Amino acid sequence: FDFFLTAPVHRFTIDDPDDIEVVVLLVVVGAAVGE
């Protein structure tokens, strides 16, 4: 999600704090769903 859909694209960096929040939530929700 970070690499393809957040600016700057194709880099493992995120400029927008909202996108950072989405990435963290994505990992947390995914882990919770797995449990």
PDB file of all heavy atoms in Angstrom:
ATOM      1  N   PHE A   1       0.845  -1.195   0.000  1.00  0.00           N
ATOM      2  CA  PHE A   1       0.000   0.000   0.000  1.00  0.00           C
ATOM      3  C   PHE A   1       0.881   1.247   0.000  1.00  0.00           C
ATOM      4  O   PHE A   1       0.635   2.212  -0.743  1.00  0.00           O
ATOM      5  CB  PHE A   1      -0.917  -0.011   1.229  1.00  0.00           C
ATOM      6  CG  PHE A   1      -1.841   1.165   1.304  1.00  0.00           C
ATOM      7  CD1 PHE A   1      -3.067   1.156   0.642  1.00  0.00           C
ATOM      8  CD2 PHE A   1      -1.498   2.294   2.044  1.00  0.00           C
ATOM      9  CE1 PHE A   1      -3.924   2.252   0.717  1.00  0.00           C
ATOM     10  CE2 PHE A   1      -2.341   3.384   2.121  1.00  0.00           C
ATOM     11  CZ  PHE A   1      -3.563   3.370   1.451  1.00  0.00           C
ATOM     12  N   ASP A   2       1.910   1.220   0.829  1.00  0.00           N
ATOM     13  CA  ASP A   2       2.852   2.341   0.890  1.00  0.00           C
ATOM     14  C   ASP A   2       3.576   2.505  -0.452  1.00  0.00           C
ATOM     15  O   ASP A   2       3.677   3.622  -0.989  1.00  0.00           O
ATOM     16  CB  ASP A   2       3.857   2.071   2.015  1.00  0.00           C
ATOM     17  CG  ASP A   2       5.004   3.067   2.037  1.00  0.00           C
ATOM     18  OD1 ASP A   2       4.884   4.141   1.418  1.00  0.00           O
ATOM     19  OD2 ASP A   2       6.024   2.767   2.695  1.00  0.00           O
ATOM     20  N   PHE A   3       4.036   1.396  -1.017  1.00  0.00           N
ATOM     21  CA  PHE A   3       4.883   1.464  -2.206  1.00  0.00           C
ATOM     22  C   PHE A   3       4.114   1.923  -3.443  1.00  0.00           C
ATOM     23  O   PHE A   3       4.615   2.727  -4.244  1.00  0.00           O
ATOM     24  CB  PHE A   3       5.506   0.081  -2.465  1.00  0.00           C
ATOM     25  CG  PHE A   3       6.575   0.081  -3.523  1.00  0.00           C
ATOM     26  CD1 PHE A   3       7.856   0.535  -3.227  1.00  0.00           C
ATOM     27  CD2 PHE A   3       6.310  -0.392  -4.804  1.00  0.00           C
ATOM     28  CE1 PHE A   3       8.850   0.531  -4.196  1.00  0.00           C
ATOM     29  CE2 PHE A   3       7.294  -0.401  -5.774  1.00  0.00           C
ATOM     30  CZ  PHE A   3       8.571   0.058  -5.469  1.00  0.00           C
ATOM     31  N   PHE A   4       2.884   1.449  -3.613  1.00  0.00           N
ATOM     32  CA  PHE A   4       2.160   1.711  -4.861  1.00  0.00           C
ATOM     33  C   PHE A   4       1.130   2.838  -4.763  1.00  0.00           C
ATOM     34  O   PHE A   4       0.793   3.446  -5.783  1.00  0.00           O
ATOM     35  CB  PHE A   4       1.432   0.439  -5.329  1.00  0.00           C
ATOM     36  CG  PHE A   4       2.354  -0.626  -5.837  1.00  0.00           C
ATOM     37  CD1 PHE A   4       2.547  -1.785  -5.105  1.00  0.00           C
ATOM     38  CD2 PHE A   4       3.029  -0.478  -7.039  1.00  0.00           C
ATOM     39  CE1 PHE A   4       3.399  -2.780  -5.569  1.00  0.00           C
ATOM     40  CE2 PHE A   4       3.873  -1.464  -7.512  1.00  0.00           C
ATOM     41  CZ  PHE A   4       4.074  -2.626  -6.767  1.00  0.00           C
ATOM     42  N   LEU A   5       0.620   3.126  -3.571  1.00  0.00           N
ATOM     43  CA  LEU A   5      -0.551   4.001  -3.490  1.00  0.00           C
ATOM     44  C   LEU A   5      -0.356   5.266  -2.667  1.00  0.00           C
ATOM     45  O   LEU A   5      -1.277   6.070  -2.556  1.00  0.00           O
ATOM     46  CB  LEU A   5      -1.744   3.206  -2.915  1.00  0.00           C
ATOM     47  CG  LEU A   5      -2.198   2.007  -3.762  1.00  0.00           C
ATOM     48  CD1 LEU A   5      -3.207   1.180  -2.996  1.00  0.00           C
ATOM     49  CD2 LEU A   5      -2.797   2.495  -5.077  1.00  0.00           C
ATOM     50  N   THR A   6       0.780   5.451  -2.070  1.00  0.00           N
ATOM     51  CA  THR A   6       1.001   6.688  -1.299  1.00  0.00           C
ATOM     52  C   THR A   6       2.143   7.487  -1.917  1.00  0.00           C
ATOM     53  O   THR A   6       3.084   6.917  -2.492  1.00  0.00           O
ATOM     54  CB  THR A   6       1.335   6.375   0.172  1.00  0.00           C
ATOM     55  OG1 THR A   6       2.565   5.646   0.239  1.00  0.00           O
ATOM     56  CG2 THR A   6       0.235   5.575   0.829  1.00  0.00           C
ATOM     57  N   ALA A   7       2.038   8.796  -1.787  1.00  0.00           N
ATOM     58  CA  ALA A   7       3.082   9.675  -2.323  1.00  0.00           C
ATOM     59  C   ALA A   7       4.248   9.740  -1.337  1.00  0.00           C
ATOM     60  O   ALA A   7       4.031   9.841  -0.123  1.00  0.00           O
ATOM     61  CB  ALA A   7       2.509  11.073  -2.544  1.00  0.00           C
ATOM     62  N   PRO A   8       5.480   9.689  -1.866  1.00  0.00           N
ATOM     63  CA  PRO A   8       5.863   9.461  -3.273  1.00  0.00           C
ATOM     64  C   PRO A   8       5.724   7.974  -3.632  1.00  0.00           C
ATOM     65  O   PRO A   8       6.130   7.112  -2.867  1.00  0.00           O
ATOM     66  CB  PRO A   8       7.324   9.899  -3.304  1.00  0.00           C
ATOM     67  CG  PRO A   8       7.817   9.658  -1.907  1.00  0.00           C
ATOM     68  CD  PRO A   8       6.646   9.927  -1.002  1.00  0.00           C
ATOM     69  N   VAL A   9       5.127   7.706  -4.807  1.00  0.00           N
ATOM     70  CA  VAL A   9       4.894   6.325  -5.226  1.00  0.00           C
ATOM     71  C   VAL A   9       6.207   5.640  -5.585  1.00  0.00           C
ATOM     72  O   VAL A   9       7.206   6.285  -5.891  1.00  0.00           O
ATOM     73  CB  VAL A   9       3.921   6.270  -6.425  1.00  0.00           C
ATOM     74  CG1 VAL A   9       2.545   6.765  -6.020  1.00  0.00           C
ATOM     75  CG2 VAL A   9       4.474   7.045  -7.606  1.00  0.00           C
ATOM     76  N   HIS A  10       6.182   4.318  -5.503  1.00  0.00           N
ATOM     77  CA  HIS A  10       7.319   3.457  -5.809  1.00  0.00           C
ATOM     78  C   HIS A  10       8.499   3.721  -4.880  1.00  0.00           C
ATOM     79  O   HIS A  10       9.653   3.480  -5.235  1.00  0.00           O
ATOM     80  CB  HIS A  10       7.747   3.608  -7.280  1.00  0.00           C
ATOM     81  CG  HIS A  10       6.657   3.238  -8.235  1.00  0.00           C
ATOM     82  ND1 HIS A  10       6.644   3.662  -9.552  1.00  0.00           N
ATOM     83  CD2 HIS A  10       5.515   2.503  -8.079  1.00  0.00           C
ATOM     84  CE1 HIS A  10       5.558   3.193 -10.148  1.00  0.00           C
ATOM     85  NE2 HIS A  10       4.852   2.490  -9.276  1.00  0.00           N
ATOM     86  N   ARG A  11       8.194   4.190  -3.679  1.00  0.00           N
ATOM     87  CA  ARG A  11       9.220   4.359  -2.649  1.00  0.00           C
ATOM     88  C   ARG A  11       8.596   3.994  -1.308  1.00  0.00           C
ATOM     89  O   ARG A  11       7.406   4.226  -1.083  1.00  0.00           O
ATOM     90  CB  ARG A  11       9.746   5.801  -2.601  1.00  0.00           C
ATOM     91  CG  ARG A  11      10.567   6.196  -3.845  1.00  0.00           C
ATOM     92  CD  ARG A  11      10.947   7.657  -3.784  1.00  0.00           C
ATOM     93  NE  ARG A  11      11.725   7.971  -2.577  1.00  0.00           N
ATOM     94  CZ  ARG A  11      12.045   9.210  -2.183  1.00  0.00           C
ATOM     95  NH1 ARG A  11      11.636  10.252  -2.903  1.00  0.00           N
ATOM     96  NH2 ARG A  11      12.763   9.401  -1.102  1.00  0.00           N
ATOM     97  N   PHE A  12       9.415   3.415  -0.428  1.00  0.00           N
ATOM     98  CA  PHE A  12       8.907   3.038   0.890  1.00  0.00           C
ATOM     99  C   PHE A  12       8.990   4.212   1.859  1.00  0.00           C
ATOM    100  O   PHE A  12       9.551   4.124   2.951  1.00  0.00           O
ATOM    101  CB  PHE A  12       9.676   1.833   1.431  1.00  0.00           C
ATOM    102  CG  PHE A  12       9.361   0.546   0.710  1.00  0.00           C
ATOM    103  CD1 PHE A  12      10.323  -0.066  -0.080  1.00  0.00           C
ATOM    104  CD2 PHE A  12       8.104  -0.041   0.807  1.00  0.00           C
ATOM    105  CE1 PHE A  12      10.037  -1.246  -0.754  1.00  0.00           C
ATOM    106  CE2 PHE A  12       7.812  -1.222   0.126  1.00  0.00           C
ATOM    107  CZ  PHE A  12       8.777  -1.825  -0.658  1.00  0.00           C
ATOM    108  N   THR A  13       8.414   5.318   1.432  1.00  0.00           N
ATOM    109  CA  THR A  13       8.300   6.500   2.287  1.00  0.00           C
ATOM    110  C   THR A  13       6.908   7.082   2.110  1.00  0.00           C
ATOM    111  O   THR A  13       6.270   6.882   1.078  1.00  0.00           O
ATOM    112  CB  THR A  13       9.347   7.574   1.908  1.00  0.00           C
ATOM    113  OG1 THR A  13       9.206   7.907   0.517  1.00  0.00           O
ATOM    114  CG2 THR A  13      10.753   7.079   2.178  1.00  0.00           C
ATOM    115  N   ILE A  14       6.430   7.813   3.120  1.00  0.00           N
ATOM    116  CA  ILE A  14       5.088   8.395   3.089  1.00  0.00           C
ATOM    117  C   ILE A  14       5.184   9.849   3.544  1.00  0.00           C
ATOM    118  O   ILE A  14       5.764  10.146   4.589  1.00  0.00           O
ATOM    119  CB  ILE A  14       4.123   7.629   4.015  1.00  0.00           C
ATOM    120  CG1 ILE A  14       4.074   6.146   3.638  1.00  0.00           C
ATOM    121  CG2 ILE A  14       2.721   8.219   3.950  1.00  0.00           C
ATOM    122  CD1 ILE A  14       3.246   5.311   4.586  1.00  0.00           C
ATOM    123  N   ASP A  15       4.615  10.742   2.731  1.00  0.00           N
ATOM    124  CA  ASP A  15       4.633  12.162   3.076  1.00  0.00           C
ATOM    125  C   ASP A  15       3.393  12.581   3.865  1.00  0.00           C
ATOM    126  O   ASP A  15       3.476  13.439   4.743  1.00  0.00           O
ATOM    127  CB  ASP A  15       4.728  13.021   1.794  1.00  0.00           C
ATOM    128  CG  ASP A  15       6.080  12.878   1.110  1.00  0.00           C
ATOM    129  OD1 ASP A  15       7.036  12.453   1.794  1.00  0.00           O
ATOM    130  OD2 ASP A  15       6.173  13.179  -0.100  1.00  0.00           O
ATOM    131  N   ASP A  16       2.261  12.003   3.555  1.00  0.00           N
ATOM    132  CA  ASP A  16       0.991  12.406   4.175  1.00  0.00           C
ATOM    133  C   ASP A  16       0.768  11.634   5.476  1.00  0.00           C
ATOM    134  O   ASP A  16       0.706  10.393   5.463  1.00  0.00           O
ATOM    135  CB  ASP A  16      -0.151  12.145   3.195  1.00  0.00           C
ATOM    136  CG  ASP A  16      -1.465  12.751   3.676  1.00  0.00           C
ATOM    137  OD1 ASP A  16      -1.580  13.046   4.876  1.00  0.00           O
ATOM    138  OD2 ASP A  16      -2.378  12.903   2.841  1.00  0.00           O
ATOM    139  N   PRO A  17       0.613  12.325   6.621  1.00  0.00           N
ATOM    140  CA  PRO A  17       0.357  11.630   7.890  1.00  0.00           C
ATOM    141  C   PRO A  17      -0.896  10.754   7.843  1.00  0.00           C
ATOM    142  O   PRO A  17      -0.955   9.718   8.507  1.00  0.00           O
ATOM    143  CB  PRO A  17       0.198  12.778   8.894  1.00  0.00           C
ATOM    144  CG  PRO A  17       0.941  13.917   8.291  1.00  0.00           C
ATOM    145  CD  PRO A  17       0.760  13.777   6.813  1.00  0.00           C
ATOM    146  N   ASP A  18      -1.902  11.168   7.063  1.00  0.00           N
ATOM    147  CA  ASP A  18      -3.121  10.355   6.953  1.00  0.00           C
ATOM    148  C   ASP A  18      -2.813   8.997   6.323  1.00  0.00           C
ATOM    149  O   ASP A  18      -3.397   7.975   6.696  1.00  0.00           O
ATOM    150  CB  ASP A  18      -4.178  11.087   6.127  1.00  0.00           C
ATOM    151  CG  ASP A  18      -4.765  12.279   6.877  1.00  0.00           C
ATOM    152  OD1 ASP A  18      -4.646  12.296   8.123  1.00  0.00           O
ATOM    153  OD2 ASP A  18      -5.331  13.174   6.227  1.00  0.00           O
ATOM    154  N   ASP A  19      -1.908   9.002   5.352  1.00  0.00           N
ATOM    155  CA  ASP A  19      -1.535   7.734   4.724  1.00  0.00           C
ATOM    156  C   ASP A  19      -0.769   6.835   5.700  1.00  0.00           C
ATOM    157  O   ASP A  19      -0.896   5.601   5.668  1.00  0.00           O
ATOM    158  CB  ASP A  19      -0.686   7.989   3.477  1.00  0.00           C
ATOM    159  CG  ASP A  19      -1.505   8.533   2.311  1.00  0.00           C
ATOM    160  OD1 ASP A  19      -2.739   8.332   2.330  1.00  0.00           O
ATOM    161  OD2 ASP A  19      -0.926   9.156   1.406  1.00  0.00           O
ATOM    162  N   ILE A  20       0.035   7.454   6.556  1.00  0.00           N
ATOM    163  CA  ILE A  20       0.733   6.666   7.584  1.00  0.00           C
ATOM    164  C   ILE A  20      -0.283   5.970   8.481  1.00  0.00           C
ATOM    165  O   ILE A  20      -0.168   4.780   8.811  1.00  0.00           O
ATOM    166  CB  ILE A  20       1.665   7.568   8.421  1.00  0.00           C
ATOM    167  CG1 ILE A  20       2.784   8.143   7.545  1.00  0.00           C
ATOM    168  CG2 ILE A  20       2.251   6.785   9.597  1.00  0.00           C
ATOM    169  CD1 ILE A  20       3.683   9.118   8.273  1.00  0.00           C
ATOM    170  N   GLU A  21      -1.315   6.708   8.845  1.00  0.00           N
ATOM    171  CA  GLU A  21      -2.364   6.138   9.691  1.00  0.00           C
ATOM    172  C   GLU A  21      -3.059   4.971   8.999  1.00  0.00           C
ATOM    173  O   GLU A  21      -3.336   3.942   9.616  1.00  0.00           O
ATOM    174  CB  GLU A  21      -3.376   7.232  10.037  1.00  0.00           C
ATOM    175  CG  GLU A  21      -4.477   6.785  10.981  1.00  0.00           C
ATOM    176  CD  GLU A  21      -5.404   7.932  11.339  1.00  0.00           C
ATOM    177  OE1 GLU A  21      -4.900   9.028  11.661  1.00  0.00           O
ATOM    178  OE2 GLU A  21      -6.626   7.713  11.288  1.00  0.00           O
ATOM    179  N   VAL A  22      -3.322   5.114   7.702  1.00  0.00           N
ATOM    180  CA  VAL A  22      -3.979   4.045   6.947  1.00  0.00           C
ATOM    181  C   VAL A  22      -3.102   2.796   6.915  1.00  0.00           C
ATOM    182  O   VAL A  22      -3.584   1.668   7.104  1.00  0.00           O
ATOM    183  CB  VAL A  22      -4.315   4.506   5.515  1.00  0.00           C
ATOM    184  CG1 VAL A  22      -4.796   3.320   4.675  1.00  0.00           C
ATOM    185  CG2 VAL A  22      -5.372   5.592   5.536  1.00  0.00           C
ATOM    186  N   VAL A  23      -1.802   2.975   6.682  1.00  0.00           N
ATOM    187  CA  VAL A  23      -0.890   1.826   6.623  1.00  0.00           C
ATOM    188  C   VAL A  23      -0.855   1.103   7.965  1.00  0.00           C
ATOM    189  O   VAL A  23      -0.943  -0.139   8.031  1.00  0.00           O
ATOM    190  CB  VAL A  23       0.530   2.279   6.218  1.00  0.00           C
ATOM    191  CG1 VAL A  23       1.526   1.134   6.388  1.00  0.00           C
ATOM    192  CG2 VAL A  23       0.533   2.768   4.783  1.00  0.00           C
ATOM    193  N   VAL A  24      -0.749   1.871   9.054  1.00  0.00           N
ATOM    194  CA  VAL A  24      -0.708   1.254  10.390  1.00  0.00           C
ATOM    195  C   VAL A  24      -1.995   0.504  10.666  1.00  0.00           C
ATOM    196  O   VAL A  24      -1.992  -0.640  11.141  1.00  0.00           O
ATOM    197  CB  VAL A  24      -0.444   2.327  11.465  1.00  0.00           C
ATOM    198  CG1 VAL A  24      -0.607   1.731  12.858  1.00  0.00           C
ATOM    199  CG2 VAL A  24       0.950   2.919  11.297  1.00  0.00           C
ATOM    200  N   LEU A  25      -3.132   1.145  10.364  1.00  0.00           N
ATOM    201  CA  LEU A  25      -4.421   0.495  10.595  1.00  0.00           C
ATOM    202  C   LEU A  25      -4.573  -0.757   9.736  1.00  0.00           C
ATOM    203  O   LEU A  25      -5.142  -1.763  10.180  1.00  0.00           O
ATOM    204  CB  LEU A  25      -5.564   1.469  10.304  1.00  0.00           C
ATOM    205  CG  LEU A  25      -5.779   2.571  11.346  1.00  0.00           C
ATOM    206  CD1 LEU A  25      -6.847   3.552  10.872  1.00  0.00           C
ATOM    207  CD2 LEU A  25      -6.181   1.969  12.687  1.00  0.00           C
ATOM    208  N   LEU A  26      -4.053  -0.700   8.511  1.00  0.00           N
ATOM    209  CA  LEU A  26      -4.139  -1.849   7.611  1.00  0.00           C
ATOM    210  C   LEU A  26      -3.409  -3.049   8.209  1.00  0.00           C
ATOM    211  O   LEU A  26      -3.926  -4.171   8.219  1.00  0.00           O
ATOM    212  CB  LEU A  26      -3.546  -1.485   6.258  1.00  0.00           C
ATOM    213  CG  LEU A  26      -3.676  -2.517   5.130  1.00  0.00           C
ATOM    214  CD1 LEU A  26      -5.130  -2.832   4.840  1.00  0.00           C
ATOM    215  CD2 LEU A  26      -2.993  -1.979   3.872  1.00  0.00           C
ATOM    216  N   VAL A  27      -2.216  -2.811   8.735  1.00  0.00           N
ATOM    217  CA  VAL A  27      -1.441  -3.903   9.339  1.00  0.00           C
ATOM    218  C   VAL A  27      -2.127  -4.410  10.605  1.00  0.00           C
ATOM    219  O   VAL A  27      -2.254  -5.620  10.828  1.00  0.00           O
ATOM    220  CB  VAL A  27       0.000  -3.439   9.641  1.00  0.00           C
ATOM    221  CG1 VAL A  27       0.755  -4.525  10.401  1.00  0.00           C
ATOM    222  CG2 VAL A  27       0.733  -3.085   8.351  1.00  0.00           C
ATOM    223  N   VAL A  28      -2.589  -3.482  11.464  1.00  0.00           N
ATOM    224  CA  VAL A  28      -3.224  -3.878  12.725  1.00  0.00           C
ATOM    225  C   VAL A  28      -4.511  -4.654  12.468  1.00  0.00           C
ATOM    226  O   VAL A  28      -4.757  -5.710  13.066  1.00  0.00           O
ATOM    227  CB  VAL A  28      -3.498  -2.636  13.601  1.00  0.00           C
ATOM    228  CG1 VAL A  28      -4.363  -3.006  14.801  1.00  0.00           C
ATOM    229  CG2 VAL A  28      -2.194  -2.016  14.065  1.00  0.00           C
ATOM    230  N   VAL A  29      -5.341  -4.120  11.563  1.00  0.00           N
ATOM    231  CA  VAL A  29      -6.603  -4.802  11.248  1.00  0.00           C
ATOM    232  C   VAL A  29      -6.323  -6.166  10.625  1.00  0.00           C
ATOM    233  O   VAL A  29      -6.976  -7.161  10.963  1.00  0.00           O
ATOM    234  CB  VAL A  29      -7.468  -3.942  10.306  1.00  0.00           C
ATOM    235  CG1 VAL A  29      -8.649  -4.744   9.775  1.00  0.00           C
ATOM    236  CG2 VAL A  29      -7.979  -2.709  11.046  1.00  0.00           C
ATOM    237  N   GLY A  30      -5.351  -6.233   9.730  1.00  0.00           N
ATOM    238  CA  GLY A  30      -5.014  -7.512   9.117  1.00  0.00           C
ATOM    239  C   GLY A  30      -4.564  -8.533  10.143  1.00  0.00           C
ATOM    240  O   GLY A  30      -4.971  -9.701  10.104  1.00  0.00           O
ATOM    241  N   ALA A  31      -3.718  -8.095  11.091  1.00  0.00           N
ATOM    242  CA  ALA A  31      -3.256  -9.010  12.142  1.00  0.00           C
ATOM    243  C   ALA A  31      -4.409  -9.451  13.032  1.00  0.00           C
ATOM    244  O   ALA A  31      -4.505 -10.617  13.429  1.00  0.00           O
ATOM    245  CB  ALA A  31      -2.160  -8.344  12.964  1.00  0.00           C
ATOM    246  N   ALA A  32      -5.308  -8.502  13.361  1.00  0.00           N
ATOM    247  CA  ALA A  32      -6.456  -8.835  14.210  1.00  0.00           C
ATOM    248  C   ALA A  32      -7.387  -9.825  13.511  1.00  0.00           C
ATOM    249  O   ALA A  32      -7.877 -10.783  14.127  1.00  0.00           O
ATOM    250  CB  ALA A  32      -7.220  -7.569  14.571  1.00  0.00           C
ATOM    251  N   VAL A  33      -7.622  -9.600  12.229  1.00  0.00           N
ATOM    252  CA  VAL A  33      -8.462 -10.527  11.467  1.00  0.00           C
ATOM    253  C   VAL A  33      -7.834 -11.917  11.456  1.00  0.00           C
ATOM    254  O   VAL A  33      -8.524 -12.940  11.581  1.00  0.00           O
ATOM    255  CB  VAL A  33      -8.669 -10.007  10.028  1.00  0.00           C
ATOM    256  CG1 VAL A  33      -9.256 -11.087   9.137  1.00  0.00           C
ATOM    257  CG2 VAL A  33      -9.573  -8.783  10.035  1.00  0.00           C
ATOM    258  N   GLY A  34      -6.514 -11.949  11.335  1.00  0.00           N
ATOM    259  CA  GLY A  34      -5.828 -13.241  11.349  1.00  0.00           C
ATOM    260  C   GLY A  34      -6.019 -13.972  12.659  1.00  0.00           C
ATOM    261  O   GLY A  34      -6.260 -15.182  12.683  1.00  0.00           O
ATOM    262  N   GLU A  35      -5.906 -13.247  13.777  1.00  0.00           N
ATOM    263  CA  GLU A  35      -6.104 -13.879  15.084  1.00  0.00           C
ATOM    264  C   GLU A  35      -7.518 -14.405  15.232  1.00  0.00           C
ATOM    265  O   GLU A  35      -7.743 -15.493  15.754  1.00  0.00           O
ATOM    266  CB  GLU A  35      -5.779 -12.882  16.199  1.00  0.00           C
ATOM    267  CG  GLU A  35      -4.298 -12.602  16.362  1.00  0.00           C
ATOM    268  CD  GLU A  35      -3.515 -13.858  16.690  1.00  0.00           C
ATOM    269  OE1 GLU A  35      -3.911 -14.591  17.611  1.00  0.00           O
ATOM    270  OE2 GLU A  35      -2.518 -14.119  15.998  1.00  0.00           O
TER     271      GLU A  35
END
